[in-house]
């Protein structure tokens, strides 16, 4: 629906790409001695467009082709010690049904 609606808008140049930033991780509260941070809530437009539940993602939609790309954070292996399995780009592509997944540090 997003691609169709924006392509009908005469003010949007042909070949445009929509880039959305998801919500960011807020970390732990200052003075908090636990390893549990505040409850994360995804940015609503980003969630509607991509369905992503995790923080620190970006997403792009090419209006000419309708292709969607997610940019996921590149997490250190140490992350898995506390938070469990780190999903691969392929797992994220399958989970959120996007055409391609790259890492945030690869954003052009």
PDB file of N, CA and C in Angstrom:
ATOM      1  N   UNK A   1       0.814  -1.197   0.000  1.00  0.00           N
ATOM      2  CA  UNK A   1       0.000   0.000   0.000  1.00  0.00           C
ATOM      3  C   UNK A   1       0.856   1.260   0.000  1.00  0.00           C
ATOM      4  N   UNK A   2       1.952   1.238   0.759  1.00  0.00           N
ATOM      5  CA  UNK A   2       2.823   2.406   0.851  1.00  0.00           C
ATOM      6  C   UNK A   2       3.375   2.785  -0.516  1.00  0.00           C
ATOM      7  N   UNK A   3       3.888   1.810  -1.251  1.00  0.00           N
ATOM      8  CA  UNK A   3       4.486   2.066  -2.564  1.00  0.00           C
ATOM      9  C   UNK A   3       3.432   2.610  -3.522  1.00  0.00           C
ATOM     10  N   UNK A   4       2.256   1.987  -3.561  1.00  0.00           N
ATOM     11  CA  UNK A   4       1.186   2.450  -4.452  1.00  0.00           C
ATOM     12  C   UNK A   4       0.775   3.890  -4.142  1.00  0.00           C
ATOM     13  N   UNK A   5       0.614   4.174  -2.866  1.00  0.00           N
ATOM     14  CA  UNK A   5       0.170   5.517  -2.452  1.00  0.00           C
ATOM     15  C   UNK A   5       1.206   6.580  -2.812  1.00  0.00           C
ATOM     16  N   UNK A   6       2.476   6.298  -2.532  1.00  0.00           N
ATOM     17  CA  UNK A   6       3.513   7.284  -2.806  1.00  0.00           C
ATOM     18  C   UNK A   6       3.755   7.441  -4.309  1.00  0.00           C
ATOM     19  N   UNK A   7       3.626   6.374  -5.069  1.00  0.00           N
ATOM     20  CA  UNK A   7       3.802   6.481  -6.524  1.00  0.00           C
ATOM     21  C   UNK A   7       2.698   7.293  -7.189  1.00  0.00           C
ATOM     22  N   UNK A   8       1.536   7.393  -6.546  1.00  0.00           N
ATOM     23  CA  UNK A   8       0.433   8.208  -7.083  1.00  0.00           C
ATOM     24  C   UNK A   8       0.631   9.695  -6.790  1.00  0.00           C
ATOM     25  N   UNK A   9       1.502  10.000  -5.858  1.00  0.00           N
ATOM     26  CA  UNK A   9       1.754  11.396  -5.483  1.00  0.00           C
ATOM     27  C   UNK A   9       2.694  12.033  -6.506  1.00  0.00           C
ATOM     28  N   UNK A  10       2.210  13.023  -7.215  1.00  0.00           N
ATOM     29  CA  UNK A  10       2.976  13.680  -8.292  1.00  0.00           C
ATOM     30  C   UNK A  10       4.171  14.483  -7.767  1.00  0.00           C
ATOM     31  N   UNK A  11       4.181  14.805  -6.471  1.00  0.00           N
ATOM     32  CA  UNK A  11       5.272  15.602  -5.891  1.00  0.00           C
ATOM     33  C   UNK A  11       6.500  14.760  -5.523  1.00  0.00           C
ATOM     34  N   UNK A  12       6.369  13.449  -5.588  1.00  0.00           N
ATOM     35  CA  UNK A  12       7.495  12.577  -5.238  1.00  0.00           C
ATOM     36  C   UNK A  12       8.218  12.188  -6.519  1.00  0.00           C
ATOM     37  N   UNK A  13       9.507  12.511  -6.619  1.00  0.00           N
ATOM     38  CA  UNK A  13      10.271  12.222  -7.841  1.00  0.00           C
ATOM     39  C   UNK A  13      10.350  10.723  -8.128  1.00  0.00           C
ATOM     40  N   UNK A  14      10.365  10.381  -9.402  1.00  0.00           N
ATOM     41  CA  UNK A  14      10.539   8.984  -9.821  1.00  0.00           C
ATOM     42  C   UNK A  14      11.894   8.487  -9.325  1.00  0.00           C
ATOM     43  N   UNK A  15      11.959   7.219  -8.963  1.00  0.00           N
ATOM     44  CA  UNK A  15      13.209   6.629  -8.494  1.00  0.00           C
ATOM     45  C   UNK A  15      13.514   6.920  -7.035  1.00  0.00           C
ATOM     46  N   UNK A  16      12.534   7.424  -6.285  1.00  0.00           N
ATOM     47  CA  UNK A  16      12.759   7.737  -4.874  1.00  0.00           C
ATOM     48  C   UNK A  16      12.827   6.473  -4.027  1.00  0.00           C
ATOM     49  N   UNK A  17      13.493   6.597  -2.891  1.00  0.00           N
ATOM     50  CA  UNK A  17      13.592   5.519  -1.910  1.00  0.00           C
ATOM     51  C   UNK A  17      13.133   6.083  -0.568  1.00  0.00           C
ATOM     52  N   UNK A  18      12.301   5.329   0.129  1.00  0.00           N
ATOM     53  CA  UNK A  18      11.860   5.712   1.473  1.00  0.00           C
ATOM     54  C   UNK A  18      12.807   5.052   2.460  1.00  0.00           C
ATOM     55  N   UNK A  19      13.386   5.841   3.356  1.00  0.00           N
ATOM     56  CA  UNK A  19      14.267   5.325   4.400  1.00  0.00           C
ATOM     57  C   UNK A  19      13.641   5.646   5.747  1.00  0.00           C
ATOM     58  N   UNK A  20      13.396   4.606   6.544  1.00  0.00           N
ATOM     59  CA  UNK A  20      12.797   4.783   7.865  1.00  0.00           C
ATOM     60  C   UNK A  20      13.749   4.281   8.936  1.00  0.00           C
ATOM     61  N   UNK A  21      13.768   4.980  10.054  1.00  0.00           N
ATOM     62  CA  UNK A  21      14.579   4.580  11.201  1.00  0.00           C
ATOM     63  C   UNK A  21      13.664   4.019  12.273  1.00  0.00           C
ATOM     64  N   UNK A  22      13.969   2.816  12.731  1.00  0.00           N
ATOM     65  CA  UNK A  22      13.209   2.233  13.824  1.00  0.00           C
ATOM     66  C   UNK A  22      13.624   2.849  15.149  1.00  0.00           C
ATOM     67  N   UNK A  23      12.946   2.449  16.200  1.00  0.00           N
ATOM     68  CA  UNK A  23      13.269   2.945  17.530  1.00  0.00           C
ATOM     69  C   UNK A  23      14.621   2.444  17.990  1.00  0.00           C
ATOM     70  N   UNK A  24      15.257   3.216  18.866  1.00  0.00           N
ATOM     71  CA  UNK A  24      16.583   2.864  19.365  1.00  0.00           C
ATOM     72  C   UNK A  24      16.536   2.256  20.754  1.00  0.00           C
ATOM     73  N   UNK A  25      17.521   1.425  21.039  1.00  0.00           N
ATOM     74  CA  UNK A  25      17.655   0.818  22.360  1.00  0.00           C
ATOM     75  C   UNK A  25      18.025   1.909  23.353  1.00  0.00           C
ATOM     76  N   UNK A  26      17.343   1.936  24.479  1.00  0.00           N
ATOM     77  CA  UNK A  26      17.601   2.972  25.474  1.00  0.00           C
ATOM     78  C   UNK A  26      18.610   2.549  26.523  1.00  0.00           C
ATOM     79  N   UNK A  27      19.102   1.311  26.434  1.00  0.00           N
ATOM     80  CA  UNK A  27      20.108   0.849  27.393  1.00  0.00           C
ATOM     81  C   UNK A  27      19.535   0.663  28.780  1.00  0.00           C
ATOM     82  N   UNK A  28      20.396   0.747  29.771  1.00  0.00           N
ATOM     83  CA  UNK A  28      19.945   0.598  31.155  1.00  0.00           C
ATOM     84  C   UNK A  28      19.835   1.977  31.797  1.00  0.00           C
ATOM     85  N   UNK A  29      19.009   2.063  32.801  1.00  0.00           N
ATOM     86  CA  UNK A  29      18.827   3.331  33.508  1.00  0.00           C
ATOM     87  C   UNK A  29      20.035   3.610  34.389  1.00  0.00           C
ATOM     88  N   UNK A  30      20.396   4.875  34.498  1.00  0.00           N
ATOM     89  CA  UNK A  30      21.542   5.254  35.322  1.00  0.00           C
ATOM     90  C   UNK A  30      21.283   4.851  36.765  1.00  0.00           C
ATOM     91  N   UNK A  31      22.274   4.228  37.362  1.00  0.00           N
ATOM     92  CA  UNK A  31      22.148   3.785  38.752  1.00  0.00           C
ATOM     93  C   UNK A  31      21.452   2.442  38.893  1.00  0.00           C
ATOM     94  N   UNK A  32      20.994   1.870  37.791  1.00  0.00           N
ATOM     95  CA  UNK A  32      20.306   0.583  37.831  1.00  0.00           C
ATOM     96  C   UNK A  32      21.351  -0.525  37.873  1.00  0.00           C
ATOM     97  N   UNK A  33      21.275  -1.390  38.859  1.00  0.00           N
ATOM     98  CA  UNK A  33      22.270  -2.448  38.995  1.00  0.00           C
ATOM     99  C   UNK A  33      21.854  -3.741  38.294  1.00  0.00           C
ATOM    100  N   UNK A  34      20.686  -3.751  37.693  1.00  0.00           N
ATOM    101  CA  UNK A  34      20.250  -4.971  37.004  1.00  0.00           C
ATOM    102  C   UNK A  34      20.723  -4.939  35.553  1.00  0.00           C
ATOM    103  N   UNK A  35      20.577  -6.062  34.878  1.00  0.00           N
ATOM    104  CA  UNK A  35      20.952  -6.125  33.471  1.00  0.00           C
ATOM    105  C   UNK A  35      19.720  -5.987  32.566  1.00  0.00           C
ATOM    106  N   UNK A  36      18.633  -5.506  33.136  1.00  0.00           N
ATOM    107  CA  UNK A  36      17.388  -5.350  32.386  1.00  0.00           C
ATOM    108  C   UNK A  36      17.138  -3.860  32.140  1.00  0.00           C
ATOM    109  N   UNK A  37      17.009  -3.492  30.889  1.00  0.00           N
ATOM    110  CA  UNK A  37      16.745  -2.103  30.538  1.00  0.00           C
ATOM    111  C   UNK A  37      15.254  -1.819  30.488  1.00  0.00           C
ATOM    112  N   UNK A  38      14.891  -0.605  30.110  1.00  0.00           N
ATOM    113  CA  UNK A  38      13.481  -0.253  29.986  1.00  0.00           C
ATOM    114  C   UNK A  38      12.806  -1.079  28.892  1.00  0.00           C
ATOM    115  N   UNK A  39      11.490  -1.216  28.980  1.00  0.00           N
ATOM    116  CA  UNK A  39      10.730  -1.952  27.966  1.00  0.00           C
ATOM    117  C   UNK A  39      10.818  -1.193  26.641  1.00  0.00           C
ATOM    118  N   UNK A  40      11.212  -1.895  25.578  1.00  0.00           N
ATOM    119  CA  UNK A  40      11.354  -1.267  24.263  1.00  0.00           C
ATOM    120  C   UNK A  40      10.035  -1.311  23.513  1.00  0.00           C
ATOM    121  N   UNK A  41       9.683  -0.201  22.884  1.00  0.00           N
ATOM    122  CA  UNK A  41       8.505  -0.124  22.023  1.00  0.00           C
ATOM    123  C   UNK A  41       8.968   0.409  20.671  1.00  0.00           C
ATOM    124  N   UNK A  42       8.688  -0.351  19.621  1.00  0.00           N
ATOM    125  CA  UNK A  42       9.115   0.029  18.274  1.00  0.00           C
ATOM    126  C   UNK A  42       8.357   1.262  17.790  1.00  0.00           C
ATOM    127  N   UNK A  43       9.025   2.082  17.000  1.00  0.00           N
ATOM    128  CA  UNK A  43       8.409   3.253  16.368  1.00  0.00           C
ATOM    129  C   UNK A  43       7.266   2.758  15.486  1.00  0.00           C
ATOM    130  N   UNK A  44       6.084   3.373  15.598  1.00  0.00           N
ATOM    131  CA  UNK A  44       4.872   2.809  15.009  1.00  0.00           C
ATOM    132  C   UNK A  44       4.884   2.749  13.483  1.00  0.00           C
ATOM    133  N   UNK A  45       5.363   3.789  12.798  1.00  0.00           N
ATOM    134  CA  UNK A  45       5.389   3.748  11.330  1.00  0.00           C
ATOM    135  C   UNK A  45       6.371   2.684  10.833  1.00  0.00           C
ATOM    136  N   UNK A  46       7.494   2.564  11.525  1.00  0.00           N
ATOM    137  CA  UNK A  46       8.486   1.553  11.158  1.00  0.00           C
ATOM    138  C   UNK A  46       7.897   0.156  11.356  1.00  0.00           C
ATOM    139  N   UNK A  47       7.219  -0.035  12.479  1.00  0.00           N
ATOM    140  CA  UNK A  47       6.612  -1.338  12.741  1.00  0.00           C
ATOM    141  C   UNK A  47       5.536  -1.656  11.711  1.00  0.00           C
ATOM    142  N   UNK A  48       4.717  -0.680  11.340  1.00  0.00           N
ATOM    143  CA  UNK A  48       3.673  -0.898  10.334  1.00  0.00           C
ATOM    144  C   UNK A  48       4.283  -1.291   8.995  1.00  0.00           C
ATOM    145  N   UNK A  49       5.381  -0.647   8.631  1.00  0.00           N
ATOM    146  CA  UNK A  49       5.993  -0.884   7.328  1.00  0.00           C
ATOM    147  C   UNK A  49       6.740  -2.210   7.268  1.00  0.00           C
ATOM    148  N   UNK A  50       7.488  -2.540   8.312  1.00  0.00           N
ATOM    149  CA  UNK A  50       8.377  -3.708   8.259  1.00  0.00           C
ATOM    150  C   UNK A  50       8.032  -4.825   9.253  1.00  0.00           C
ATOM    151  N   UNK A  51       7.293  -4.511  10.298  1.00  0.00           N
ATOM    152  CA  UNK A  51       6.954  -5.524  11.299  1.00  0.00           C
ATOM    153  C   UNK A  51       8.054  -5.835  12.286  1.00  0.00           C
ATOM    154  N   UNK A  52       9.149  -5.103  12.229  1.00  0.00           N
ATOM    155  CA  UNK A  52      10.319  -5.386  13.071  1.00  0.00           C
ATOM    156  C   UNK A  52      10.030  -5.022  14.527  1.00  0.00           C
ATOM    157  N   UNK A  53      10.410  -5.920  15.421  1.00  0.00           N
ATOM    158  CA  UNK A  53      10.183  -5.714  16.847  1.00  0.00           C
ATOM    159  C   UNK A  53      11.448  -5.275  17.589  1.00  0.00           C
ATOM    160  N   UNK A  54      12.620  -5.566  17.048  1.00  0.00           N
ATOM    161  CA  UNK A  54      13.882  -5.274  17.723  1.00  0.00           C
ATOM    162  C   UNK A  54      14.315  -3.824  17.501  1.00  0.00           C
ATOM    163  N   UNK A  55      15.147  -3.274  18.415  1.00  0.00           N
ATOM    164  CA  UNK A  55      15.623  -1.897  18.278  1.00  0.00           C
ATOM    165  C   UNK A  55      16.787  -1.763  17.312  1.00  0.00           C
ATOM    166  N   UNK A  56      17.038  -0.521  16.908  1.00  0.00           N
ATOM    167  CA  UNK A  56      18.228  -0.102  16.167  1.00  0.00           C
ATOM    168  C   UNK A  56      18.282  -0.583  14.713  1.00  0.00           C
ATOM    169  N   UNK A  57      17.133  -0.786  14.099  1.00  0.00           N
ATOM    170  CA  UNK A  57      17.046  -1.172  12.683  1.00  0.00           C
ATOM    171  C   UNK A  57      16.699   0.044  11.833  1.00  0.00           C
ATOM    172  N   UNK A  58      17.049  -0.024  10.574  1.00  0.00           N
ATOM    173  CA  UNK A  58      16.602   0.912   9.550  1.00  0.00           C
ATOM    174  C   UNK A  58      15.949   0.080   8.451  1.00  0.00           C
ATOM    175  N   UNK A  59      15.099   0.699   7.668  1.00  0.00           N
ATOM    176  CA  UNK A  59      14.491  -0.004   6.549  1.00  0.00           C
ATOM    177  C   UNK A  59      14.352   0.918   5.364  1.00  0.00           C
ATOM    178  N   UNK A  60      14.470   0.363   4.170  1.00  0.00           N
ATOM    179  CA  UNK A  60      14.344   1.139   2.931  1.00  0.00           C
ATOM    180  C   UNK A  60      13.391   0.430   1.991  1.00  0.00           C
ATOM    181  N   UNK A  61      12.600   1.239   1.265  1.00  0.00           N
ATOM    182  CA  UNK A  61      11.702   0.712   0.248  1.00  0.00           C
ATOM    183  C   UNK A  61      11.958   1.492  -1.031  1.00  0.00           C
ATOM    184  N   UNK A  62      12.298   0.785  -2.095  1.00  0.00           N
ATOM    185  CA  UNK A  62      12.512   1.386  -3.409  1.00  0.00           C
ATOM    186  C   UNK A  62      11.148   1.554  -4.066  1.00  0.00           C
ATOM    187  N   UNK A  63      10.743   2.791  -4.318  1.00  0.00           N
ATOM    188  CA  UNK A  63       9.406   3.039  -4.859  1.00  0.00           C
ATOM    189  C   UNK A  63       9.257   2.595  -6.313  1.00  0.00           C
ATOM    190  N   UNK A  64      10.354   2.495  -7.043  1.00  0.00           N
ATOM    191  CA  UNK A  64      10.285   2.062  -8.442  1.00  0.00           C
ATOM    192  C   UNK A  64      10.030   0.562  -8.556  1.00  0.00           C
ATOM    193  N   UNK A  65      10.616  -0.210  -7.644  1.00  0.00           N
ATOM    194  CA  UNK A  65      10.531  -1.671  -7.748  1.00  0.00           C
ATOM    195  C   UNK A  65       9.719  -2.317  -6.628  1.00  0.00           C
ATOM    196  N   UNK A  66       9.534  -1.593  -5.520  1.00  0.00           N
ATOM    197  CA  UNK A  66       8.851  -2.154  -4.361  1.00  0.00           C
ATOM    198  C   UNK A  66       9.752  -3.024  -3.499  1.00  0.00           C
ATOM    199  N   UNK A  67      11.042  -3.132  -3.863  1.00  0.00           N
ATOM    200  CA  UNK A  67      11.982  -3.933  -3.068  1.00  0.00           C
ATOM    201  C   UNK A  67      12.186  -3.314  -1.689  1.00  0.00           C
ATOM    202  N   UNK A  68      12.281  -4.190  -0.690  1.00  0.00           N
ATOM    203  CA  UNK A  68      12.480  -3.718   0.680  1.00  0.00           C
ATOM    204  C   UNK A  68      13.803  -4.255   1.222  1.00  0.00           C
ATOM    205  N   UNK A  69      14.496  -3.391   1.948  1.00  0.00           N
ATOM    206  CA  UNK A  69      15.783  -3.749   2.549  1.00  0.00           C
ATOM    207  C   UNK A  69      15.742  -3.364   4.022  1.00  0.00           C
ATOM    208  N   UNK A  70      16.117  -4.294   4.873  1.00  0.00           N
ATOM    209  CA  UNK A  70      16.295  -3.995   6.287  1.00  0.00           C
ATOM    210  C   UNK A  70      17.778  -3.879   6.580  1.00  0.00           C
ATOM    211  N   UNK A  71      18.120  -2.939   7.444  1.00  0.00           N
ATOM    212  CA  UNK A  71      19.483  -2.765   7.921  1.00  0.00           C
ATOM    213  C   UNK A  71      19.465  -3.089   9.413  1.00  0.00           C
ATOM    214  N   UNK A  72      20.119  -4.181   9.767  1.00  0.00           N
ATOM    215  CA  UNK A  72      20.131  -4.635  11.157  1.00  0.00           C
ATOM    216  C   UNK A  72      21.446  -4.249  11.836  1.00  0.00           C
ATOM    217  N   UNK A  73      21.424  -4.078  13.161  1.00  0.00           N
ATOM    218  CA  UNK A  73      22.677  -3.760  13.850  1.00  0.00           C
ATOM    219  C   UNK A  73      23.616  -4.964  13.818  1.00  0.00           C
ATOM    220  N   UNK A  74      24.897  -4.687  13.713  1.00  0.00           N
ATOM    221  CA  UNK A  74      25.911  -5.748  13.757  1.00  0.00           C
ATOM    222  C   UNK A  74      26.297  -5.912  15.228  1.00  0.00           C
ATOM    223  N   UNK A  75      25.827  -6.986  15.841  1.00  0.00           N
ATOM    224  CA  UNK A  75      26.049  -7.209  17.263  1.00  0.00           C
ATOM    225  C   UNK A  75      27.317  -8.029  17.487  1.00  0.00           C
ATOM    226  N   UNK A  76      28.023  -7.704  18.557  1.00  0.00           N
ATOM    227  CA  UNK A  76      29.209  -8.468  18.932  1.00  0.00           C
ATOM    228  C   UNK A  76      28.800  -9.861  19.409  1.00  0.00           C
ATOM    229  N   UNK A  77      29.688 -10.815  19.261  1.00  0.00           N
ATOM    230  CA  UNK A  77      29.395 -12.177  19.694  1.00  0.00           C
ATOM    231  C   UNK A  77      29.100 -12.244  21.191  1.00  0.00           C
ATOM    232  N   UNK A  78      29.682 -11.331  21.968  1.00  0.00           N
ATOM    233  CA  UNK A  78      29.438 -11.296  23.415  1.00  0.00           C
ATOM    234  C   UNK A  78      27.965 -11.068  23.749  1.00  0.00           C
ATOM    235  N   UNK A  79      27.254 -10.448  22.856  1.00  0.00           N
ATOM    236  CA  UNK A  79      25.824 -10.192  23.040  1.00  0.00           C
ATOM    237  C   UNK A  79      25.089 -11.505  23.313  1.00  0.00           C
ATOM    238  N   UNK A  80      25.491 -12.576  22.653  1.00  0.00           N
ATOM    239  CA  UNK A  80      24.817 -13.871  22.775  1.00  0.00           C
ATOM    240  C   UNK A  80      24.934 -14.459  24.184  1.00  0.00           C
ATOM    241  N   UNK A  81      25.950 -14.068  24.927  1.00  0.00           N
ATOM    242  CA  UNK A  81      26.135 -14.595  26.277  1.00  0.00           C
ATOM    243  C   UNK A  81      24.943 -14.218  27.157  1.00  0.00           C
ATOM    244  N   UNK A  82      24.495 -12.991  27.050  1.00  0.00           N
ATOM    245  CA  UNK A  82      23.387 -12.501  27.869  1.00  0.00           C
ATOM    246  C   UNK A  82      22.044 -12.663  27.167  1.00  0.00           C
ATOM    247  N   UNK A  83      21.982 -12.335  25.879  1.00  0.00           N
ATOM    248  CA  UNK A  83      20.708 -12.234  25.172  1.00  0.00           C
ATOM    249  C   UNK A  83      20.354 -13.461  24.325  1.00  0.00           C
ATOM    250  N   UNK A  84      21.254 -14.409  24.206  1.00  0.00           N
ATOM    251  CA  UNK A  84      20.949 -15.608  23.431  1.00  0.00           C
ATOM    252  C   UNK A  84      21.362 -15.485  21.974  1.00  0.00           C
ATOM    253  N   UNK A  85      20.805 -16.346  21.159  1.00  0.00           N
ATOM    254  CA  UNK A  85      21.151 -16.454  19.741  1.00  0.00           C
ATOM    255  C   UNK A  85      21.054 -15.113  19.020  1.00  0.00           C
ATOM    256  N   UNK A  86      22.079 -14.808  18.220  1.00  0.00           N
ATOM    257  CA  UNK A  86      22.058 -13.614  17.371  1.00  0.00           C
ATOM    258  C   UNK A  86      21.582 -14.065  15.999  1.00  0.00           C
ATOM    259  N   UNK A  87      20.423 -13.567  15.544  1.00  0.00           N
ATOM    260  CA  UNK A  87      19.918 -14.017  14.243  1.00  0.00           C
ATOM    261  C   UNK A  87      20.815 -13.566  13.096  1.00  0.00           C
ATOM    262  N   UNK A  88      20.914 -14.420  12.088  1.00  0.00           N
ATOM    263  CA  UNK A  88      21.673 -14.084  10.883  1.00  0.00           C
ATOM    264  C   UNK A  88      20.830 -13.188   9.982  1.00  0.00           C
ATOM    265  N   UNK A  89      21.474 -12.598   8.992  1.00  0.00           N
ATOM    266  CA  UNK A  89      20.743 -11.768   8.026  1.00  0.00           C
ATOM    267  C   UNK A  89      19.680 -12.604   7.308  1.00  0.00           C
ATOM    268  N   UNK A  90      19.993 -13.844   6.993  1.00  0.00           N
ATOM    269  CA  UNK A  90      19.038 -14.728   6.319  1.00  0.00           C
ATOM    270  C   UNK A  90      17.822 -15.000   7.204  1.00  0.00           C
ATOM    271  N   UNK A  91      18.049 -15.221   8.488  1.00  0.00           N
ATOM    272  CA  UNK A  91      16.939 -15.458   9.422  1.00  0.00           C
ATOM    273  C   UNK A  91      16.036 -14.230   9.527  1.00  0.00           C
ATOM    274  N   UNK A  92      16.646 -13.052   9.545  1.00  0.00           N
ATOM    275  CA  UNK A  92      15.864 -11.814   9.614  1.00  0.00           C
ATOM    276  C   UNK A  92      15.061 -11.624   8.329  1.00  0.00           C
ATOM    277  N   UNK A  93      15.661 -11.908   7.179  1.00  0.00           N
ATOM    278  CA  UNK A  93      14.953 -11.787   5.898  1.00  0.00           C
ATOM    279  C   UNK A  93      13.729 -12.699   5.865  1.00  0.00           C
ATOM    280  N   UNK A  94      13.874 -13.908   6.369  1.00  0.00           N
ATOM    281  CA  UNK A  94      12.755 -14.845   6.400  1.00  0.00           C
ATOM    282  C   UNK A  94      11.704 -14.431   7.422  1.00  0.00           C
ATOM    283  N   UNK A  95      12.145 -13.960   8.583  1.00  0.00           N
ATOM    284  CA  UNK A  95      11.219 -13.569   9.646  1.00  0.00           C
ATOM    285  C   UNK A  95      10.331 -12.402   9.215  1.00  0.00           C
ATOM    286  N   UNK A  96      10.942 -11.390   8.585  1.00  0.00           N
ATOM    287  CA  UNK A  96      10.196 -10.177   8.248  1.00  0.00           C
ATOM    288  C   UNK A  96       9.827 -10.082   6.770  1.00  0.00           C
ATOM    289  N   UNK A  97      10.148 -11.114   6.004  1.00  0.00           N
ATOM    290  CA  UNK A  97       9.756 -11.219   4.589  1.00  0.00           C
ATOM    291  C   UNK A  97      10.155  -9.999   3.764  1.00  0.00           C
ATOM    292  N   UNK A  98      11.411  -9.621   3.901  1.00  0.00           N
ATOM    293  CA  UNK A  98      11.960  -8.524   3.097  1.00  0.00           C
ATOM    294  C   UNK A  98      12.841  -9.111   2.004  1.00  0.00           C
ATOM    295  N   UNK A  99      13.138  -8.303   1.002  1.00  0.00           N
ATOM    296  CA  UNK A  99      13.927  -8.781  -0.128  1.00  0.00           C
ATOM    297  C   UNK A  99      15.408  -8.934   0.193  1.00  0.00           C
ATOM    298  N   UNK A 100      15.893  -8.115   1.126  1.00  0.00           N
ATOM    299  CA  UNK A 100      17.327  -8.116   1.407  1.00  0.00           C
ATOM    300  C   UNK A 100      17.563  -7.609   2.824  1.00  0.00           C
ATOM    301  N   UNK A 101      18.617  -8.121   3.453  1.00  0.00           N
ATOM    302  CA  UNK A 101      19.031  -7.637   4.773  1.00  0.00           C
ATOM    303  C   UNK A 101      20.514  -7.328   4.720  1.00  0.00           C
ATOM    304  N   UNK A 102      20.857  -6.153   5.203  1.00  0.00           N
ATOM    305  CA  UNK A 102      22.249  -5.725   5.325  1.00  0.00           C
ATOM    306  C   UNK A 102      22.450  -5.236   6.754  1.00  0.00           C
ATOM    307  N   UNK A 103      23.686  -4.811   7.032  1.00  0.00           N
ATOM    308  CA  UNK A 103      23.971  -4.280   8.370  1.00  0.00           C
ATOM    309  C   UNK A 103      23.939  -2.760   8.346  1.00  0.00           C
ATOM    310  N   UNK A 104      23.593  -2.171   9.497  1.00  0.00           N
ATOM    311  CA  UNK A 104      23.488  -0.714   9.604  1.00  0.00           C
ATOM    312  C   UNK A 104      24.778  -0.026   9.175  1.00  0.00           C
ATOM    313  N   UNK A 105      25.924  -0.636   9.499  1.00  0.00           N
ATOM    314  CA  UNK A 105      27.188  -0.004   9.119  1.00  0.00           C
ATOM    315  C   UNK A 105      27.449  -0.065   7.603  1.00  0.00           C
ATOM    316  N   UNK A 106      26.551  -0.681   6.854  1.00  0.00           N
ATOM    317  CA  UNK A 106      26.654  -0.721   5.395  1.00  0.00           C
ATOM    318  C   UNK A 106      25.677   0.246   4.707  1.00  0.00           C
ATOM    319  N   UNK A 107      24.991   1.069   5.506  1.00  0.00           N
ATOM    320  CA  UNK A 107      24.087   2.075   4.912  1.00  0.00           C
ATOM    321  C   UNK A 107      24.885   3.008   4.003  1.00  0.00           C
ATOM    322  N   UNK A 108      24.383   3.265   2.785  1.00  0.00           N
ATOM    323  CA  UNK A 108      25.136   4.154   1.884  1.00  0.00           C
ATOM    324  C   UNK A 108      25.194   5.593   2.391  1.00  0.00           C
TER     325      UNK A 108
END
